[in-house]
């Protein structure tokens, strides 16, 4: 028997093909992969994980927060 890729129209009509399993999926089995995210905090991302920039330093910077002001990077470090 020929594989389905090597068939002619006459092979298909006379059923001279090797049966194969279908790879089609029913849409009912497709799960939602991503949910709607409103805030970056919903993903566990906070400002201290991001590089921020602007003219004014953040009021509540976390330890290790990187901020770029006038093209220069600054890293906030808490005082012990």
PDB file of N, CA and C in Angstrom:
ATOM      1  N   UNK A   1       0.837  -1.190   0.000  1.00  0.00           N
ATOM      2  CA  UNK A   1       0.000   0.000   0.000  1.00  0.00           C
ATOM      3  C   UNK A   1       0.876   1.247   0.000  1.00  0.00           C
ATOM      4  N   UNK A   2       0.387   2.272  -0.647  1.00  0.00           N
ATOM      5  CA  UNK A   2       1.100   3.538  -0.712  1.00  0.00           C
ATOM      6  C   UNK A   2       0.702   4.410   0.473  1.00  0.00           C
ATOM      7  N   UNK A   3       1.619   5.296   0.839  1.00  0.00           N
ATOM      8  CA  UNK A   3       1.226   6.266   1.857  1.00  0.00           C
ATOM      9  C   UNK A   3       0.359   7.323   1.194  1.00  0.00           C
ATOM     10  N   UNK A   4      -0.312   8.103   1.994  1.00  0.00           N
ATOM     11  CA  UNK A   4      -1.261   9.077   1.454  1.00  0.00           C
ATOM     12  C   UNK A   4      -0.554  10.152   0.627  1.00  0.00           C
ATOM     13  N   UNK A   5       0.726  10.389   0.880  1.00  0.00           N
ATOM     14  CA  UNK A   5       1.463  11.406   0.123  1.00  0.00           C
ATOM     15  C   UNK A   5       1.774  10.943  -1.299  1.00  0.00           C
ATOM     16  N   UNK A   6       1.827   9.642  -1.523  1.00  0.00           N
ATOM     17  CA  UNK A   6       2.178   9.113  -2.847  1.00  0.00           C
ATOM     18  C   UNK A   6       0.965   8.648  -3.637  1.00  0.00           C
ATOM     19  N   UNK A   7      -0.222   8.975  -3.190  1.00  0.00           N
ATOM     20  CA  UNK A   7      -1.445   8.513  -3.837  1.00  0.00           C
ATOM     21  C   UNK A   7      -1.776   9.293  -5.099  1.00  0.00           C
ATOM     22  N   UNK A   8      -2.461   8.612  -5.967  1.00  0.00           N
ATOM     23  CA  UNK A   8      -3.085   9.283  -7.096  1.00  0.00           C
ATOM     24  C   UNK A   8      -4.573   9.370  -6.784  1.00  0.00           C
ATOM     25  N   UNK A   9      -5.293  10.065  -7.602  1.00  0.00           N
ATOM     26  CA  UNK A   9      -6.749  10.160  -7.410  1.00  0.00           C
ATOM     27  C   UNK A   9      -7.370   8.764  -7.485  1.00  0.00           C
ATOM     28  N   UNK A  10      -6.849   7.925  -8.378  1.00  0.00           N
ATOM     29  CA  UNK A  10      -7.429   6.578  -8.535  1.00  0.00           C
ATOM     30  C   UNK A  10      -7.143   5.715  -7.301  1.00  0.00           C
ATOM     31  N   UNK A  11      -5.987   5.928  -6.648  1.00  0.00           N
ATOM     32  CA  UNK A  11      -5.703   5.188  -5.407  1.00  0.00           C
ATOM     33  C   UNK A  11      -6.685   5.578  -4.309  1.00  0.00           C
ATOM     34  N   UNK A  12      -6.997   6.847  -4.244  1.00  0.00           N
ATOM     35  CA  UNK A  12      -7.946   7.308  -3.227  1.00  0.00           C
ATOM     36  C   UNK A  12      -9.346   6.749  -3.478  1.00  0.00           C
ATOM     37  N   UNK A  13      -9.759   6.735  -4.740  1.00  0.00           N
ATOM     38  CA  UNK A  13     -11.096   6.233  -5.081  1.00  0.00           C
ATOM     39  C   UNK A  13     -11.196   4.730  -4.820  1.00  0.00           C
ATOM     40  N   UNK A  14     -10.151   3.981  -5.144  1.00  0.00           N
ATOM     41  CA  UNK A  14     -10.200   2.528  -4.963  1.00  0.00           C
ATOM     42  C   UNK A  14      -9.739   2.094  -3.567  1.00  0.00           C
ATOM     43  N   UNK A  15      -9.530   3.048  -2.681  1.00  0.00           N
ATOM     44  CA  UNK A  15      -9.182   2.810  -1.281  1.00  0.00           C
ATOM     45  C   UNK A  15      -7.902   1.998  -1.110  1.00  0.00           C
ATOM     46  N   UNK A  16      -6.885   2.339  -1.853  1.00  0.00           N
ATOM     47  CA  UNK A  16      -5.583   1.682  -1.740  1.00  0.00           C
ATOM     48  C   UNK A  16      -4.628   2.540  -0.908  1.00  0.00           C
ATOM     49  N   UNK A  17      -5.113   3.089   0.157  1.00  0.00           N
ATOM     50  CA  UNK A  17      -4.293   3.946   1.003  1.00  0.00           C
ATOM     51  C   UNK A  17      -4.151   3.333   2.382  1.00  0.00           C
ATOM     52  N   UNK A  18      -3.079   3.684   3.066  1.00  0.00           N
ATOM     53  CA  UNK A  18      -2.860   3.235   4.441  1.00  0.00           C
ATOM     54  C   UNK A  18      -3.645   4.152   5.371  1.00  0.00           C
ATOM     55  N   UNK A  19      -4.464   3.590   6.242  1.00  0.00           N
ATOM     56  CA  UNK A  19      -5.207   4.444   7.177  1.00  0.00           C
ATOM     57  C   UNK A  19      -4.256   5.163   8.137  1.00  0.00           C
ATOM     58  N   UNK A  20      -4.551   6.402   8.438  1.00  0.00           N
ATOM     59  CA  UNK A  20      -3.750   7.175   9.386  1.00  0.00           C
ATOM     60  C   UNK A  20      -4.662   7.807  10.415  1.00  0.00           C
ATOM     61  N   UNK A  21      -4.099   8.104  11.563  1.00  0.00           N
ATOM     62  CA  UNK A  21      -4.857   8.773  12.612  1.00  0.00           C
ATOM     63  C   UNK A  21      -5.007  10.251  12.269  1.00  0.00           C
ATOM     64  N   UNK A  22      -6.131  10.791  12.577  1.00  0.00           N
ATOM     65  CA  UNK A  22      -6.374  12.204  12.330  1.00  0.00           C
ATOM     66  C   UNK A  22      -5.631  13.040  13.365  1.00  0.00           C
ATOM     67  N   UNK A  23      -5.060  14.128  12.918  1.00  0.00           N
ATOM     68  CA  UNK A  23      -4.401  15.055  13.847  1.00  0.00           C
ATOM     69  C   UNK A  23      -5.279  16.259  14.149  1.00  0.00           C
ATOM     70  N   UNK A  24      -6.493  16.263  13.622  1.00  0.00           N
ATOM     71  CA  UNK A  24      -7.407  17.369  13.892  1.00  0.00           C
ATOM     72  C   UNK A  24      -7.833  17.342  15.343  1.00  0.00           C
ATOM     73  N   UNK A  25      -7.971  18.505  15.922  1.00  0.00           N
ATOM     74  CA  UNK A  25      -8.424  18.635  17.304  1.00  0.00           C
ATOM     75  C   UNK A  25      -9.773  19.324  17.323  1.00  0.00           C
ATOM     76  N   UNK A  26     -10.621  18.818  18.142  1.00  0.00           N
ATOM     77  CA  UNK A  26     -11.918  19.447  18.337  1.00  0.00           C
ATOM     78  C   UNK A  26     -11.704  20.753  19.090  1.00  0.00           C
ATOM     79  N   UNK A  27     -12.361  21.808  18.694  1.00  0.00           N
ATOM     80  CA  UNK A  27     -12.190  23.123  19.324  1.00  0.00           C
ATOM     81  C   UNK A  27     -12.571  23.094  20.801  1.00  0.00           C
ATOM     82  N   UNK A  28     -13.377  22.128  21.205  1.00  0.00           N
ATOM     83  CA  UNK A  28     -13.785  22.039  22.607  1.00  0.00           C
ATOM     84  C   UNK A  28     -12.600  21.702  23.512  1.00  0.00           C
ATOM     85  N   UNK A  29     -11.532  21.127  22.956  1.00  0.00           N
ATOM     86  CA  UNK A  29     -10.388  20.746  23.765  1.00  0.00           C
ATOM     87  C   UNK A  29      -9.336  21.846  23.860  1.00  0.00           C
ATOM     88  N   UNK A  30      -9.510  22.920  23.142  1.00  0.00           N
ATOM     89  CA  UNK A  30      -8.544  24.010  23.180  1.00  0.00           C
ATOM     90  C   UNK A  30      -8.805  24.844  24.424  1.00  0.00           C
ATOM     91  N   UNK A  31      -7.777  24.984  25.244  1.00  0.00           N
ATOM     92  CA  UNK A  31      -7.907  25.753  26.482  1.00  0.00           C
ATOM     93  C   UNK A  31      -7.383  27.166  26.255  1.00  0.00           C
ATOM     94  N   UNK A  32      -7.885  28.090  27.020  1.00  0.00           N
ATOM     95  CA  UNK A  32      -7.380  29.454  26.968  1.00  0.00           C
ATOM     96  C   UNK A  32      -5.997  29.475  27.577  1.00  0.00           C
ATOM     97  N   UNK A  33      -5.023  29.958  26.824  1.00  0.00           N
ATOM     98  CA  UNK A  33      -3.642  29.956  27.318  1.00  0.00           C
ATOM     99  C   UNK A  33      -3.386  31.194  28.172  1.00  0.00           C
ATOM    100  N   UNK A  34      -3.810  32.341  27.689  1.00  0.00           N
ATOM    101  CA  UNK A  34      -3.553  33.578  28.401  1.00  0.00           C
ATOM    102  C   UNK A  34      -4.858  34.164  28.906  1.00  0.00           C
ATOM    103  N   UNK A  35      -4.845  34.593  30.143  1.00  0.00           N
ATOM    104  CA  UNK A  35      -6.006  35.297  30.665  1.00  0.00           C
ATOM    105  C   UNK A  35      -5.757  36.793  30.516  1.00  0.00           C
ATOM    106  N   UNK A  36      -6.780  37.557  30.717  1.00  0.00           N
ATOM    107  CA  UNK A  36      -6.646  39.004  30.614  1.00  0.00           C
ATOM    108  C   UNK A  36      -5.884  39.525  31.817  1.00  0.00           C
ATOM    109  N   UNK A  37      -4.841  40.305  31.575  1.00  0.00           N
ATOM    110  CA  UNK A  37      -4.023  40.869  32.645  1.00  0.00           C
ATOM    111  C   UNK A  37      -4.226  42.377  32.626  1.00  0.00           C
ATOM    112  N   UNK A  38      -4.678  42.916  33.762  1.00  0.00           N
ATOM    113  CA  UNK A  38      -4.925  44.350  33.850  1.00  0.00           C
ATOM    114  C   UNK A  38      -3.694  45.119  34.318  1.00  0.00           C
ATOM    115  N   UNK A  39      -2.955  44.545  35.249  1.00  0.00           N
ATOM    116  CA  UNK A  39      -1.812  45.232  35.835  1.00  0.00           C
ATOM    117  C   UNK A  39      -0.580  44.341  35.750  1.00  0.00           C
ATOM    118  N   UNK A  40       0.587  44.964  35.638  1.00  0.00           N
ATOM    119  CA  UNK A  40       1.822  44.181  35.578  1.00  0.00           C
ATOM    120  C   UNK A  40       2.060  43.424  36.883  1.00  0.00           C
ATOM    121  N   UNK A  41       1.516  43.941  37.989  1.00  0.00           N
ATOM    122  CA  UNK A  41       1.662  43.267  39.272  1.00  0.00           C
ATOM    123  C   UNK A  41       0.959  41.912  39.298  1.00  0.00           C
ATOM    124  N   UNK A  42      -0.057  41.739  38.438  1.00  0.00           N
ATOM    125  CA  UNK A  42      -0.748  40.446  38.341  1.00  0.00           C
ATOM    126  C   UNK A  42       0.194  39.350  37.871  1.00  0.00           C
ATOM    127  N   UNK A  43       1.249  39.741  37.157  1.00  0.00           N
ATOM    128  CA  UNK A  43       2.240  38.778  36.663  1.00  0.00           C
ATOM    129  C   UNK A  43       3.447  38.674  37.582  1.00  0.00           C
ATOM    130  N   UNK A  44       3.413  39.379  38.718  1.00  0.00           N
ATOM    131  CA  UNK A  44       4.545  39.361  39.634  1.00  0.00           C
ATOM    132  C   UNK A  44       5.649  40.331  39.244  1.00  0.00           C
ATOM    133  N   UNK A  45       5.326  41.303  38.376  1.00  0.00           N
ATOM    134  CA  UNK A  45       6.318  42.296  37.950  1.00  0.00           C
ATOM    135  C   UNK A  45       6.024  43.595  38.689  1.00  0.00           C
ATOM    136  N   UNK A  46       7.009  44.089  39.432  1.00  0.00           N
ATOM    137  CA  UNK A  46       6.857  45.346  40.161  1.00  0.00           C
ATOM    138  C   UNK A  46       7.833  46.364  39.592  1.00  0.00           C
ATOM    139  N   UNK A  47       7.686  47.629  39.991  1.00  0.00           N
ATOM    140  CA  UNK A  47       8.558  48.675  39.474  1.00  0.00           C
ATOM    141  C   UNK A  47      10.030  48.382  39.753  1.00  0.00           C
ATOM    142  N   UNK A  48      10.326  47.711  40.871  1.00  0.00           N
ATOM    143  CA  UNK A  48      11.722  47.437  41.194  1.00  0.00           C
ATOM    144  C   UNK A  48      12.350  46.448  40.216  1.00  0.00           C
ATOM    145  N   UNK A  49      11.520  45.723  39.444  1.00  0.00           N
ATOM    146  CA  UNK A  49      12.030  44.795  38.440  1.00  0.00           C
ATOM    147  C   UNK A  49      12.224  45.468  37.084  1.00  0.00           C
ATOM    148  N   UNK A  50      11.830  46.725  36.954  1.00  0.00           N
ATOM    149  CA  UNK A  50      11.887  47.430  35.678  1.00  0.00           C
ATOM    150  C   UNK A  50      12.909  48.555  35.732  1.00  0.00           C
ATOM    151  N   UNK A  51      13.422  48.917  34.576  1.00  0.00           N
ATOM    152  CA  UNK A  51      14.279  50.094  34.487  1.00  0.00           C
ATOM    153  C   UNK A  51      13.373  51.271  34.156  1.00  0.00           C
ATOM    154  N   UNK A  52      13.264  52.187  35.098  1.00  0.00           N
ATOM    155  CA  UNK A  52      12.409  53.358  34.919  1.00  0.00           C
ATOM    156  C   UNK A  52      13.255  54.540  34.463  1.00  0.00           C
ATOM    157  N   UNK A  53      12.600  55.527  33.907  1.00  0.00           N
ATOM    158  CA  UNK A  53      13.310  56.742  33.502  1.00  0.00           C
ATOM    159  C   UNK A  53      12.378  57.927  33.636  1.00  0.00           C
ATOM    160  N   UNK A  54      12.974  59.101  33.704  1.00  0.00           N
ATOM    161  CA  UNK A  54      12.184  60.319  33.812  1.00  0.00           C
ATOM    162  C   UNK A  54      13.003  61.448  34.390  1.00  0.00           C
ATOM    163  N   UNK A  55      12.325  62.525  34.799  1.00  0.00           N
ATOM    164  CA  UNK A  55      12.997  63.689  35.365  1.00  0.00           C
ATOM    165  C   UNK A  55      13.040  63.657  36.885  1.00  0.00           C
ATOM    166  N   UNK A  56      12.138  62.871  37.495  1.00  0.00           N
ATOM    167  CA  UNK A  56      12.034  62.836  38.956  1.00  0.00           C
ATOM    168  C   UNK A  56      12.249  61.395  39.423  1.00  0.00           C
ATOM    169  N   UNK A  57      13.085  61.223  40.430  1.00  0.00           N
ATOM    170  CA  UNK A  57      13.312  59.890  40.975  1.00  0.00           C
ATOM    171  C   UNK A  57      12.024  59.341  41.597  1.00  0.00           C
ATOM    172  N   UNK A  58      11.807  58.036  41.533  1.00  0.00           N
ATOM    173  CA  UNK A  58      10.590  57.470  42.121  1.00  0.00           C
ATOM    174  C   UNK A  58      10.582  57.652  43.641  1.00  0.00           C
ATOM    175  N   UNK A  59       9.425  57.994  44.187  1.00  0.00           N
ATOM    176  CA  UNK A  59       9.305  58.258  45.626  1.00  0.00           C
ATOM    177  C   UNK A  59       9.483  56.982  46.446  1.00  0.00           C
ATOM    178  N   UNK A  60       8.993  55.872  45.936  1.00  0.00           N
ATOM    179  CA  UNK A  60       9.072  54.628  46.707  1.00  0.00           C
ATOM    180  C   UNK A  60       9.887  53.588  45.933  1.00  0.00           C
ATOM    181  N   UNK A  61      11.139  53.891  45.707  1.00  0.00           N
ATOM    182  CA  UNK A  61      12.001  52.961  44.971  1.00  0.00           C
ATOM    183  C   UNK A  61      12.375  51.788  45.866  1.00  0.00           C
ATOM    184  N   UNK A  62      12.441  50.606  45.281  1.00  0.00           N
ATOM    185  CA  UNK A  62      12.853  49.430  46.023  1.00  0.00           C
ATOM    186  C   UNK A  62      14.352  49.228  45.912  1.00  0.00           C
ATOM    187  N   UNK A  63      14.898  48.421  46.807  1.00  0.00           N
ATOM    188  CA  UNK A  63      16.330  48.146  46.795  1.00  0.00           C
ATOM    189  C   UNK A  63      16.716  47.513  45.466  1.00  0.00           C
ATOM    190  N   UNK A  64      17.687  48.096  44.783  1.00  0.00           N
ATOM    191  CA  UNK A  64      18.114  47.587  43.492  1.00  0.00           C
ATOM    192  C   UNK A  64      17.384  48.189  42.310  1.00  0.00           C
ATOM    193  N   UNK A  65      16.463  49.120  42.571  1.00  0.00           N
ATOM    194  CA  UNK A  65      15.713  49.766  41.487  1.00  0.00           C
ATOM    195  C   UNK A  65      16.658  50.574  40.608  1.00  0.00           C
ATOM    196  N   UNK A  66      16.562  50.392  39.303  1.00  0.00           N
ATOM    197  CA  UNK A  66      17.383  51.141  38.350  1.00  0.00           C
ATOM    198  C   UNK A  66      16.534  52.257  37.757  1.00  0.00           C
ATOM    199  N   UNK A  67      17.101  53.456  37.759  1.00  0.00           N
ATOM    200  CA  UNK A  67      16.399  54.629  37.241  1.00  0.00           C
ATOM    201  C   UNK A  67      17.367  55.407  36.362  1.00  0.00           C
ATOM    202  N   UNK A  68      16.900  55.836  35.198  1.00  0.00           N
ATOM    203  CA  UNK A  68      17.740  56.607  34.278  1.00  0.00           C
ATOM    204  C   UNK A  68      17.251  58.051  34.258  1.00  0.00           C
ATOM    205  N   UNK A  69      18.146  58.965  34.628  1.00  0.00           N
ATOM    206  CA  UNK A  69      17.828  60.395  34.634  1.00  0.00           C
ATOM    207  C   UNK A  69      18.924  61.127  33.877  1.00  0.00           C
ATOM    208  N   UNK A  70      18.551  61.921  32.909  1.00  0.00           N
ATOM    209  CA  UNK A  70      19.495  62.679  32.073  1.00  0.00           C
ATOM    210  C   UNK A  70      20.536  61.763  31.422  1.00  0.00           C
ATOM    211  N   UNK A  71      20.108  60.553  31.027  1.00  0.00           N
ATOM    212  CA  UNK A  71      20.997  59.628  30.335  1.00  0.00           C
ATOM    213  C   UNK A  71      21.948  58.861  31.241  1.00  0.00           C
ATOM    214  N   UNK A  72      21.881  59.091  32.559  1.00  0.00           N
ATOM    215  CA  UNK A  72      22.762  58.394  33.496  1.00  0.00           C
ATOM    216  C   UNK A  72      21.946  57.398  34.324  1.00  0.00           C
ATOM    217  N   UNK A  73      22.421  56.162  34.436  1.00  0.00           N
ATOM    218  CA  UNK A  73      21.688  55.184  35.267  1.00  0.00           C
ATOM    219  C   UNK A  73      22.027  55.349  36.750  1.00  0.00           C
ATOM    220  N   UNK A  74      21.002  55.243  37.582  1.00  0.00           N
ATOM    221  CA  UNK A  74      21.148  55.291  39.031  1.00  0.00           C
ATOM    222  C   UNK A  74      20.528  54.018  39.602  1.00  0.00           C
ATOM    223  N   UNK A  75      21.174  53.451  40.623  1.00  0.00           N
ATOM    224  CA  UNK A  75      20.647  52.261  41.293  1.00  0.00           C
ATOM    225  C   UNK A  75      20.385  52.608  42.750  1.00  0.00           C
ATOM    226  N   UNK A  76      19.135  52.417  43.179  1.00  0.00           N
ATOM    227  CA  UNK A  76      18.759  52.736  44.544  1.00  0.00           C
ATOM    228  C   UNK A  76      19.252  51.624  45.479  1.00  0.00           C
ATOM    229  N   UNK A  77      19.932  52.031  46.559  1.00  0.00           N
ATOM    230  CA  UNK A  77      20.380  51.076  47.568  1.00  0.00           C
ATOM    231  C   UNK A  77      19.921  51.569  48.928  1.00  0.00           C
ATOM    232  N   UNK A  78      19.228  50.694  49.653  1.00  0.00           N
ATOM    233  CA  UNK A  78      18.749  51.078  50.984  1.00  0.00           C
ATOM    234  C   UNK A  78      19.926  51.224  51.933  1.00  0.00           C
ATOM    235  N   UNK A  79      19.810  52.186  52.830  1.00  0.00           N
ATOM    236  CA  UNK A  79      20.855  52.395  53.817  1.00  0.00           C
ATOM    237  C   UNK A  79      20.597  51.492  55.003  1.00  0.00           C
ATOM    238  N   UNK A  80      21.654  50.861  55.493  1.00  0.00           N
ATOM    239  CA  UNK A  80      21.513  49.932  56.617  1.00  0.00           C
ATOM    240  C   UNK A  80      21.516  50.626  57.935  1.00  0.00           C
TER     241      UNK A  80
END
